[in-house]
mmCIF file of all heavy atoms, coordinates in Angstrom:
data_MODEL
# 
_entry.id   MODEL 
# 
loop_
_atom_site.group_PDB 
_atom_site.id 
_atom_site.type_symbol 
_atom_site.label_atom_id 
_atom_site.label_alt_id 
_atom_site.label_comp_id 
_atom_site.label_asym_id 
_atom_site.label_entity_id 
_atom_site.label_seq_id 
_atom_site.pdbx_PDB_ins_code 
_atom_site.Cartn_x 
_atom_site.Cartn_y 
_atom_site.Cartn_z 
_atom_site.occupancy 
_atom_site.B_iso_or_equiv 
_atom_site.pdbx_formal_charge 
_atom_site.auth_seq_id 
_atom_site.auth_comp_id 
_atom_site.auth_asym_id 
_atom_site.auth_atom_id 
_atom_site.pdbx_PDB_model_num 
ATOM 1   N N   . GLN A 1 1  ? 113.639 101.358 124.453 1.00 0.00 ? 1  GLN A N   1 
ATOM 2   C CA  . GLN A 1 1  ? 112.333 100.693 124.626 1.00 0.00 ? 1  GLN A CA  1 
ATOM 3   C C   . GLN A 1 1  ? 111.768 100.339 123.245 1.00 0.00 ? 1  GLN A C   1 
ATOM 4   O O   . GLN A 1 1  ? 111.689 101.195 122.367 1.00 0.00 ? 1  GLN A O   1 
ATOM 5   C CB  . GLN A 1 1  ? 111.367 101.635 125.377 1.00 0.00 ? 1  GLN A CB  1 
ATOM 6   C CG  . GLN A 1 1  ? 110.022 101.045 125.641 1.00 0.00 ? 1  GLN A CG  1 
ATOM 7   C CD  . GLN A 1 1  ? 110.069 99.873  126.587 1.00 0.00 ? 1  GLN A CD  1 
ATOM 8   O OE1 . GLN A 1 1  ? 110.948 99.773  127.426 1.00 0.00 ? 1  GLN A OE1 1 
ATOM 9   N NE2 . GLN A 1 1  ? 109.143 98.942  126.429 1.00 0.00 ? 1  GLN A NE2 1 
ATOM 10  N N   . ILE A 1 2  ? 111.439 99.077  123.082 1.00 0.00 ? 2  ILE A N   1 
ATOM 11  C CA  . ILE A 1 2  ? 110.810 98.620  121.839 1.00 0.00 ? 2  ILE A CA  1 
ATOM 12  C C   . ILE A 1 2  ? 109.297 98.786  121.999 1.00 0.00 ? 2  ILE A C   1 
ATOM 13  O O   . ILE A 1 2  ? 108.688 98.171  122.844 1.00 0.00 ? 2  ILE A O   1 
ATOM 14  C CB  . ILE A 1 2  ? 111.160 97.148  121.556 1.00 0.00 ? 2  ILE A CB  1 
ATOM 15  C CG1 . ILE A 1 2  ? 112.643 96.897  121.556 1.00 0.00 ? 2  ILE A CG1 1 
ATOM 16  C CG2 . ILE A 1 2  ? 110.522 96.714  120.226 1.00 0.00 ? 2  ILE A CG2 1 
ATOM 17  C CD1 . ILE A 1 2  ? 113.419 97.648  120.508 1.00 0.00 ? 2  ILE A CD1 1 
ATOM 18  N N   . ASN A 1 3  ? 108.723 99.653  121.194 1.00 0.00 ? 3  ASN A N   1 
ATOM 19  C CA  . ASN A 1 3  ? 107.264 99.857  121.256 1.00 0.00 ? 3  ASN A CA  1 
ATOM 20  C C   . ASN A 1 3  ? 106.688 99.864  119.837 1.00 0.00 ? 3  ASN A C   1 
ATOM 21  O O   . ASN A 1 3  ? 107.423 99.709  118.853 1.00 0.00 ? 3  ASN A O   1 
ATOM 22  C CB  . ASN A 1 3  ? 106.946 101.181 121.996 1.00 0.00 ? 3  ASN A CB  1 
ATOM 23  C CG  . ASN A 1 3  ? 107.631 102.371 121.395 1.00 0.00 ? 3  ASN A CG  1 
ATOM 24  O OD1 . ASN A 1 3  ? 107.945 102.389 120.196 1.00 0.00 ? 3  ASN A OD1 1 
ATOM 25  N ND2 . ASN A 1 3  ? 107.893 103.384 122.201 1.00 0.00 ? 3  ASN A ND2 1 
ATOM 26  N N   . ALA A 1 4  ? 105.380 100.052 119.749 1.00 0.00 ? 4  ALA A N   1 
ATOM 27  C CA  . ALA A 1 4  ? 104.709 100.005 118.447 1.00 0.00 ? 4  ALA A CA  1 
ATOM 28  C C   . ALA A 1 4  ? 105.218 101.114 117.512 1.00 0.00 ? 4  ALA A C   1 
ATOM 29  O O   . ALA A 1 4  ? 105.299 100.885 116.299 1.00 0.00 ? 4  ALA A O   1 
ATOM 30  C CB  . ALA A 1 4  ? 103.202 100.122 118.660 1.00 0.00 ? 4  ALA A CB  1 
ATOM 31  N N   . ASP A 1 5  ? 105.544 102.284 118.068 1.00 0.00 ? 5  ASP A N   1 
ATOM 32  C CA  . ASP A 1 5  ? 106.034 103.368 117.222 1.00 0.00 ? 5  ASP A CA  1 
ATOM 33  C C   . ASP A 1 5  ? 107.386 102.995 116.579 1.00 0.00 ? 5  ASP A C   1 
ATOM 34  O O   . ASP A 1 5  ? 107.616 103.286 115.394 1.00 0.00 ? 5  ASP A O   1 
ATOM 35  C CB  . ASP A 1 5  ? 106.199 104.660 118.040 1.00 0.00 ? 5  ASP A CB  1 
ATOM 36  C CG  . ASP A 1 5  ? 104.847 105.229 118.459 1.00 0.00 ? 5  ASP A CG  1 
ATOM 37  O OD1 . ASP A 1 5  ? 103.833 104.916 117.804 1.00 0.00 ? 5  ASP A OD1 1 
ATOM 38  O OD2 . ASP A 1 5  ? 104.810 105.947 119.473 1.00 0.00 ? 5  ASP A OD2 1 
ATOM 39  N N   . LEU A 1 6  ? 108.265 102.386 117.380 1.00 0.00 ? 6  LEU A N   1 
ATOM 40  C CA  . LEU A 1 6  ? 109.558 101.999 116.832 1.00 0.00 ? 6  LEU A CA  1 
ATOM 41  C C   . LEU A 1 6  ? 109.387 100.891 115.772 1.00 0.00 ? 6  LEU A C   1 
ATOM 42  O O   . LEU A 1 6  ? 110.051 100.954 114.739 1.00 0.00 ? 6  LEU A O   1 
ATOM 43  C CB  . LEU A 1 6  ? 110.482 101.498 117.955 1.00 0.00 ? 6  LEU A CB  1 
ATOM 44  C CG  . LEU A 1 6  ? 111.848 101.049 117.500 1.00 0.00 ? 6  LEU A CG  1 
ATOM 45  C CD1 . LEU A 1 6  ? 112.618 102.162 116.845 1.00 0.00 ? 6  LEU A CD1 1 
ATOM 46  C CD2 . LEU A 1 6  ? 112.648 100.463 118.659 1.00 0.00 ? 6  LEU A CD2 1 
ATOM 47  N N   . ILE A 1 7  ? 108.530 99.939  116.013 1.00 0.00 ? 7  ILE A N   1 
ATOM 48  C CA  . ILE A 1 7  ? 108.284 98.876  115.048 1.00 0.00 ? 7  ILE A CA  1 
ATOM 49  C C   . ILE A 1 7  ? 107.743 99.487  113.756 1.00 0.00 ? 7  ILE A C   1 
ATOM 50  O O   . ILE A 1 7  ? 108.130 99.111  112.648 1.00 0.00 ? 7  ILE A O   1 
ATOM 51  C CB  . ILE A 1 7  ? 107.334 97.823  115.612 1.00 0.00 ? 7  ILE A CB  1 
ATOM 52  C CG1 . ILE A 1 7  ? 107.905 97.234  116.888 1.00 0.00 ? 7  ILE A CG1 1 
ATOM 53  C CG2 . ILE A 1 7  ? 106.959 96.790  114.575 1.00 0.00 ? 7  ILE A CG2 1 
ATOM 54  C CD1 . ILE A 1 7  ? 108.465 95.865  116.837 1.00 0.00 ? 7  ILE A CD1 1 
ATOM 55  N N   . ALA A 1 8  ? 106.799 100.438 113.883 1.00 0.00 ? 8  ALA A N   1 
ATOM 56  C CA  . ALA A 1 8  ? 106.241 101.098 112.684 1.00 0.00 ? 8  ALA A CA  1 
ATOM 57  C C   . ALA A 1 8  ? 107.326 101.844 111.936 1.00 0.00 ? 8  ALA A C   1 
ATOM 58  O O   . ALA A 1 8  ? 107.374 101.851 110.704 1.00 0.00 ? 8  ALA A O   1 
ATOM 59  C CB  . ALA A 1 8  ? 105.115 102.001 113.080 1.00 0.00 ? 8  ALA A CB  1 
ATOM 60  N N   . TYR A 1 9  ? 108.215 102.487 112.658 1.00 0.00 ? 9  TYR A N   1 
ATOM 61  C CA  . TYR A 1 9  ? 109.318 103.224 112.060 1.00 0.00 ? 9  TYR A CA  1 
ATOM 62  C C   . TYR A 1 9  ? 110.244 102.275 111.315 1.00 0.00 ? 9  TYR A C   1 
ATOM 63  O O   . TYR A 1 9  ? 110.663 102.529 110.182 1.00 0.00 ? 9  TYR A O   1 
ATOM 64  C CB  . TYR A 1 9  ? 110.089 104.019 113.128 1.00 0.00 ? 9  TYR A CB  1 
ATOM 65  C CG  . TYR A 1 9  ? 111.304 104.746 112.626 1.00 0.00 ? 9  TYR A CG  1 
ATOM 66  C CD1 . TYR A 1 9  ? 111.168 105.838 111.751 1.00 0.00 ? 9  TYR A CD1 1 
ATOM 67  C CD2 . TYR A 1 9  ? 112.567 104.371 113.007 1.00 0.00 ? 9  TYR A CD2 1 
ATOM 68  C CE1 . TYR A 1 9  ? 112.287 106.508 111.283 1.00 0.00 ? 9  TYR A CE1 1 
ATOM 69  C CE2 . TYR A 1 9  ? 113.676 105.056 112.546 1.00 0.00 ? 9  TYR A CE2 1 
ATOM 70  C CZ  . TYR A 1 9  ? 113.529 106.108 111.673 1.00 0.00 ? 9  TYR A CZ  1 
ATOM 71  O OH  . TYR A 1 9  ? 114.628 106.777 111.206 1.00 0.00 ? 9  TYR A OH  1 
ATOM 72  N N   . LEU A 1 10 ? 110.618 101.150 111.937 1.00 0.00 ? 10 LEU A N   1 
ATOM 73  C CA  . LEU A 1 10 ? 111.467 100.156 111.315 1.00 0.00 ? 10 LEU A CA  1 
ATOM 74  C C   . LEU A 1 10 ? 110.791 99.537  110.097 1.00 0.00 ? 10 LEU A C   1 
ATOM 75  O O   . LEU A 1 10 ? 111.427 99.249  109.086 1.00 0.00 ? 10 LEU A O   1 
ATOM 76  C CB  . LEU A 1 10 ? 111.881 99.070  112.313 1.00 0.00 ? 10 LEU A CB  1 
ATOM 77  C CG  . LEU A 1 10 ? 112.751 99.523  113.479 1.00 0.00 ? 10 LEU A CG  1 
ATOM 78  C CD1 . LEU A 1 10 ? 112.946 98.405  114.474 1.00 0.00 ? 10 LEU A CD1 1 
ATOM 79  C CD2 . LEU A 1 10 ? 114.098 100.040 112.958 1.00 0.00 ? 10 LEU A CD2 1 
ATOM 80  N N   . GLU A 1 11 ? 109.493 99.346  110.206 1.00 0.00 ? 11 GLU A N   1 
ATOM 81  C CA  . GLU A 1 11 ? 108.720 98.810  109.077 1.00 0.00 ? 11 GLU A CA  1 
ATOM 82  C C   . GLU A 1 11 ? 108.818 99.773  107.876 1.00 0.00 ? 11 GLU A C   1 
ATOM 83  O O   . GLU A 1 11 ? 108.998 99.365  106.740 1.00 0.00 ? 11 GLU A O   1 
ATOM 84  C CB  . GLU A 1 11 ? 107.273 98.684  109.539 1.00 0.00 ? 11 GLU A CB  1 
ATOM 85  C CG  . GLU A 1 11 ? 106.441 97.648  108.866 1.00 0.00 ? 11 GLU A CG  1 
ATOM 86  C CD  . GLU A 1 11 ? 105.078 97.504  109.518 1.00 0.00 ? 11 GLU A CD  1 
ATOM 87  O OE1 . GLU A 1 11 ? 104.652 98.361  110.307 1.00 0.00 ? 11 GLU A OE1 1 
ATOM 88  O OE2 . GLU A 1 11 ? 104.426 96.530  109.184 1.00 0.00 ? 11 GLU A OE2 1 
ATOM 89  N N   . ASP A 1 12 ? 108.688 101.051 108.167 1.00 0.00 ? 12 ASP A N   1 
ATOM 90  C CA  . ASP A 1 12 ? 108.754 102.070 107.117 1.00 0.00 ? 12 ASP A CA  1 
ATOM 91  C C   . ASP A 1 12 ? 110.159 102.144 106.526 1.00 0.00 ? 12 ASP A C   1 
ATOM 92  O O   . ASP A 1 12 ? 110.322 102.204 105.308 1.00 0.00 ? 12 ASP A O   1 
ATOM 93  C CB  . ASP A 1 12 ? 108.353 103.431 107.675 1.00 0.00 ? 12 ASP A CB  1 
ATOM 94  C CG  . ASP A 1 12 ? 108.247 104.490 106.629 1.00 0.00 ? 12 ASP A CG  1 
ATOM 95  O OD1 . ASP A 1 12 ? 107.668 104.227 105.549 1.00 0.00 ? 12 ASP A OD1 1 
ATOM 96  O OD2 . ASP A 1 12 ? 108.737 105.607 106.872 1.00 0.00 ? 12 ASP A OD2 1 
ATOM 97  N N   . LEU A 1 13 ? 111.182 102.108 107.370 1.00 0.00 ? 13 LEU A N   1 
ATOM 98  C CA  . LEU A 1 13 ? 112.564 102.146 106.910 1.00 0.00 ? 13 LEU A CA  1 
ATOM 99  C C   . LEU A 1 13 ? 112.900 100.958 106.007 1.00 0.00 ? 13 LEU A C   1 
ATOM 100 O O   . LEU A 1 13 ? 113.616 101.114 104.999 1.00 0.00 ? 13 LEU A O   1 
ATOM 101 C CB  . LEU A 1 13 ? 113.551 102.157 108.068 1.00 0.00 ? 13 LEU A CB  1 
ATOM 102 C CG  . LEU A 1 13 ? 113.852 103.473 108.755 1.00 0.00 ? 13 LEU A CG  1 
ATOM 103 C CD1 . LEU A 1 13 ? 114.813 103.246 109.892 1.00 0.00 ? 13 LEU A CD1 1 
ATOM 104 C CD2 . LEU A 1 13 ? 114.464 104.460 107.775 1.00 0.00 ? 13 LEU A CD2 1 
ATOM 105 N N   . SER A 1 14 ? 112.419 99.797  106.372 1.00 0.00 ? 14 SER A N   1 
ATOM 106 C CA  . SER A 1 14 ? 112.773 98.584  105.637 1.00 0.00 ? 14 SER A CA  1 
ATOM 107 C C   . SER A 1 14 ? 111.837 98.315  104.490 1.00 0.00 ? 14 SER A C   1 
ATOM 108 O O   . SER A 1 14 ? 112.058 97.355  103.721 1.00 0.00 ? 14 SER A O   1 
ATOM 109 C CB  . SER A 1 14 ? 112.779 97.385  106.578 1.00 0.00 ? 14 SER A CB  1 
ATOM 110 O OG  . SER A 1 14 ? 111.492 97.177  107.122 1.00 0.00 ? 14 SER A OG  1 
ATOM 111 N N   . CYS A 1 15 ? 110.785 99.138  104.326 1.00 0.00 ? 15 CYS A N   1 
ATOM 112 C CA  . CYS A 1 15 ? 109.782 98.933  103.269 1.00 0.00 ? 15 CYS A CA  1 
ATOM 113 C C   . CYS A 1 15 ? 109.166 97.551  103.361 1.00 0.00 ? 15 CYS A C   1 
ATOM 114 O O   . CYS A 1 15 ? 108.926 96.864  102.377 1.00 0.00 ? 15 CYS A O   1 
ATOM 115 C CB  . CYS A 1 15 ? 110.377 99.140  101.895 1.00 0.00 ? 15 CYS A CB  1 
ATOM 116 S SG  . CYS A 1 15 ? 110.960 100.813 101.615 1.00 0.00 ? 15 CYS A SG  1 
ATOM 117 N N   . LEU A 1 16 ? 108.911 97.116  104.605 1.00 0.00 ? 16 LEU A N   1 
ATOM 118 C CA  . LEU A 1 16 ? 108.269 95.834  104.865 1.00 0.00 ? 16 LEU A CA  1 
ATOM 119 C C   . LEU A 1 16 ? 106.946 96.080  105.586 1.00 0.00 ? 16 LEU A C   1 
ATOM 120 O O   . LEU A 1 16 ? 106.765 97.101  106.236 1.00 0.00 ? 16 LEU A O   1 
ATOM 121 C CB  . LEU A 1 16 ? 109.137 94.941  105.724 1.00 0.00 ? 16 LEU A CB  1 
ATOM 122 C CG  . LEU A 1 16 ? 110.480 94.503  105.104 1.00 0.00 ? 16 LEU A CG  1 
ATOM 123 C CD1 . LEU A 1 16 ? 111.310 93.787  106.159 1.00 0.00 ? 16 LEU A CD1 1 
ATOM 124 C CD2 . LEU A 1 16 ? 110.250 93.641  103.898 1.00 0.00 ? 16 LEU A CD2 1 
ATOM 125 N N   . ASN A 1 17 ? 106.042 95.142  105.463 1.00 0.00 ? 17 ASN A N   1 
ATOM 126 C CA  . ASN A 1 17 ? 104.775 95.209  106.184 1.00 0.00 ? 17 ASN A CA  1 
ATOM 127 C C   . ASN A 1 17 ? 104.652 93.923  106.986 1.00 0.00 ? 17 ASN A C   1 
ATOM 128 O O   . ASN A 1 17 ? 104.764 92.829  106.445 1.00 0.00 ? 17 ASN A O   1 
ATOM 129 C CB  . ASN A 1 17 ? 103.586 95.340  105.213 1.00 0.00 ? 17 ASN A CB  1 
ATOM 130 C CG  . ASN A 1 17 ? 103.601 96.646  104.506 1.00 0.00 ? 17 ASN A CG  1 
ATOM 131 O OD1 . ASN A 1 17 ? 103.838 97.699  105.112 1.00 0.00 ? 17 ASN A OD1 1 
ATOM 132 N ND2 . ASN A 1 17 ? 103.340 96.634  103.198 1.00 0.00 ? 17 ASN A ND2 1 
ATOM 133 N N   . PHE A 1 18 ? 104.390 94.071  108.275 1.00 0.00 ? 18 PHE A N   1 
ATOM 134 C CA  . PHE A 1 18 ? 104.284 92.925  109.177 1.00 0.00 ? 18 PHE A CA  1 
ATOM 135 C C   . PHE A 1 18 ? 102.837 92.801  109.674 1.00 0.00 ? 18 PHE A C   1 
ATOM 136 O O   . PHE A 1 18 ? 102.152 93.806  109.885 1.00 0.00 ? 18 PHE A O   1 
ATOM 137 C CB  . PHE A 1 18 ? 105.209 93.063  110.383 1.00 0.00 ? 18 PHE A CB  1 
ATOM 138 C CG  . PHE A 1 18 ? 106.666 93.113  110.015 1.00 0.00 ? 18 PHE A CG  1 
ATOM 139 C CD1 . PHE A 1 18 ? 107.379 94.298  110.136 1.00 0.00 ? 18 PHE A CD1 1 
ATOM 140 C CD2 . PHE A 1 18 ? 107.321 91.987  109.551 1.00 0.00 ? 18 PHE A CD2 1 
ATOM 141 C CE1 . PHE A 1 18 ? 108.708 94.356  109.820 1.00 0.00 ? 18 PHE A CE1 1 
ATOM 142 C CE2 . PHE A 1 18 ? 108.666 92.054  109.222 1.00 0.00 ? 18 PHE A CE2 1 
ATOM 143 C CZ  . PHE A 1 18 ? 109.365 93.235  109.348 1.00 0.00 ? 18 PHE A CZ  1 
ATOM 144 N N   . ALA A 1 19 ? 102.409 91.567  109.868 1.00 0.00 ? 19 ALA A N   1 
ATOM 145 C CA  . ALA A 1 19 ? 101.115 91.300  110.508 1.00 0.00 ? 19 ALA A CA  1 
ATOM 146 C C   . ALA A 1 19 ? 101.276 91.634  112.003 1.00 0.00 ? 19 ALA A C   1 
ATOM 147 O O   . ALA A 1 19 ? 102.389 91.733  112.514 1.00 0.00 ? 19 ALA A O   1 
ATOM 148 C CB  . ALA A 1 19 ? 100.708 89.849  110.316 1.00 0.00 ? 19 ALA A CB  1 
ATOM 149 N N   . ASP A 1 20 ? 100.148 91.825  112.695 1.00 0.00 ? 20 ASP A N   1 
ATOM 150 C CA  . ASP A 1 20 ? 100.203 92.162  114.111 1.00 0.00 ? 20 ASP A CA  1 
ATOM 151 C C   . ASP A 1 20 ? 100.931 91.118  114.927 1.00 0.00 ? 20 ASP A C   1 
ATOM 152 O O   . ASP A 1 20 ? 101.718 91.446  115.817 1.00 0.00 ? 20 ASP A O   1 
ATOM 153 C CB  . ASP A 1 20 ? 98.787  92.381  114.667 1.00 0.00 ? 20 ASP A CB  1 
ATOM 154 C CG  . ASP A 1 20 ? 98.157  93.637  114.120 1.00 0.00 ? 20 ASP A CG  1 
ATOM 155 O OD1 . ASP A 1 20 ? 98.907  94.557  113.708 1.00 0.00 ? 20 ASP A OD1 1 
ATOM 156 O OD2 . ASP A 1 20 ? 96.920  93.717  114.117 1.00 0.00 ? 20 ASP A OD2 1 
ATOM 157 N N   . SER A 1 21 ? 100.716 89.833  114.599 1.00 0.00 ? 21 SER A N   1 
ATOM 158 C CA  . SER A 1 21 ? 101.425 88.767  115.327 1.00 0.00 ? 21 SER A CA  1 
ATOM 159 C C   . SER A 1 21 ? 102.913 88.835  115.073 1.00 0.00 ? 21 SER A C   1 
ATOM 160 O O   . SER A 1 21 ? 103.736 88.580  115.963 1.00 0.00 ? 21 SER A O   1 
ATOM 161 C CB  . SER A 1 21 ? 100.861 87.399  114.921 1.00 0.00 ? 21 SER A CB  1 
ATOM 162 O OG  . SER A 1 21 ? 101.074 87.163  113.540 1.00 0.00 ? 21 SER A OG  1 
ATOM 163 N N   . GLU A 1 22 ? 103.320 89.192  113.843 1.00 0.00 ? 22 GLU A N   1 
ATOM 164 C CA  . GLU A 1 22 ? 104.725 89.302  113.510 1.00 0.00 ? 22 GLU A CA  1 
ATOM 165 C C   . GLU A 1 22 ? 105.351 90.500  114.210 1.00 0.00 ? 22 GLU A C   1 
ATOM 166 O O   . GLU A 1 22 ? 106.504 90.437  114.657 1.00 0.00 ? 22 GLU A O   1 
ATOM 167 C CB  . GLU A 1 22 ? 104.908 89.465  112.015 1.00 0.00 ? 22 GLU A CB  1 
ATOM 168 C CG  . GLU A 1 22 ? 104.576 88.214  111.206 1.00 0.00 ? 22 GLU A CG  1 
ATOM 169 C CD  . GLU A 1 22 ? 104.655 88.460  109.732 1.00 0.00 ? 22 GLU A CD  1 
ATOM 170 O OE1 . GLU A 1 22 ? 104.204 89.521  109.240 1.00 0.00 ? 22 GLU A OE1 1 
ATOM 171 O OE2 . GLU A 1 22 ? 105.188 87.560  109.023 1.00 0.00 ? 22 GLU A OE2 1 
ATOM 172 N N   . LYS A 1 23 ? 104.588 91.572  114.345 1.00 0.00 ? 23 LYS A N   1 
ATOM 173 C CA  . LYS A 1 23 ? 105.098 92.767  115.050 1.00 0.00 ? 23 LYS A CA  1 
ATOM 174 C C   . LYS A 1 23 ? 105.395 92.445  116.512 1.00 0.00 ? 23 LYS A C   1 
ATOM 175 O O   . LYS A 1 23 ? 106.395 92.875  117.050 1.00 0.00 ? 23 LYS A O   1 
ATOM 176 C CB  . LYS A 1 23 ? 104.113 93.908  114.953 1.00 0.00 ? 23 LYS A CB  1 
ATOM 177 C CG  . LYS A 1 23 ? 103.992 94.494  113.585 1.00 0.00 ? 23 LYS A CG  1 
ATOM 178 C CD  . LYS A 1 23 ? 102.960 95.614  113.556 1.00 0.00 ? 23 LYS A CD  1 
ATOM 179 C CE  . LYS A 1 23 ? 102.730 96.111  112.145 1.00 0.00 ? 23 LYS A CE  1 
ATOM 180 N NZ  . LYS A 1 23 ? 101.731 97.214  112.087 1.00 0.00 ? 23 LYS A NZ  1 
ATOM 181 N N   . ALA A 1 24 ? 104.507 91.673  117.140 1.00 0.00 ? 24 ALA A N   1 
ATOM 182 C CA  . ALA A 1 24 ? 104.725 91.295  118.532 1.00 0.00 ? 24 ALA A CA  1 
ATOM 183 C C   . ALA A 1 24 ? 105.989 90.435  118.669 1.00 0.00 ? 24 ALA A C   1 
ATOM 184 O O   . ALA A 1 24 ? 106.805 90.646  119.568 1.00 0.00 ? 24 ALA A O   1 
ATOM 185 C CB  . ALA A 1 24 ? 103.504 90.530  119.066 1.00 0.00 ? 24 ALA A CB  1 
ATOM 186 N N   . GLN A 1 25 ? 106.134 89.470  117.764 1.00 0.00 ? 25 GLN A N   1 
ATOM 187 C CA  . GLN A 1 25 ? 107.326 88.612  117.792 1.00 0.00 ? 25 GLN A CA  1 
ATOM 188 C C   . GLN A 1 25 ? 108.582 89.404  117.475 1.00 0.00 ? 25 GLN A C   1 
ATOM 189 O O   . GLN A 1 25 ? 109.627 89.211  118.120 1.00 0.00 ? 25 GLN A O   1 
ATOM 190 C CB  . GLN A 1 25 ? 107.169 87.441  116.794 1.00 0.00 ? 25 GLN A CB  1 
ATOM 191 C CG  . GLN A 1 25 ? 108.334 86.481  116.790 1.00 0.00 ? 25 GLN A CG  1 
ATOM 192 C CD  . GLN A 1 25 ? 108.503 85.763  118.123 1.00 0.00 ? 25 GLN A CD  1 
ATOM 193 O OE1 . GLN A 1 25 ? 107.539 85.327  118.752 1.00 0.00 ? 25 GLN A OE1 1 
ATOM 194 N NE2 . GLN A 1 25 ? 109.746 85.686  118.582 1.00 0.00 ? 25 GLN A NE2 1 
# 
């Protein structure tokens, strides 16, 4: 399941920051 927690985890792993619209996409 792709959820906000997983996206935040991937964001942290990749050292990237995404805007909310980018996170949804």
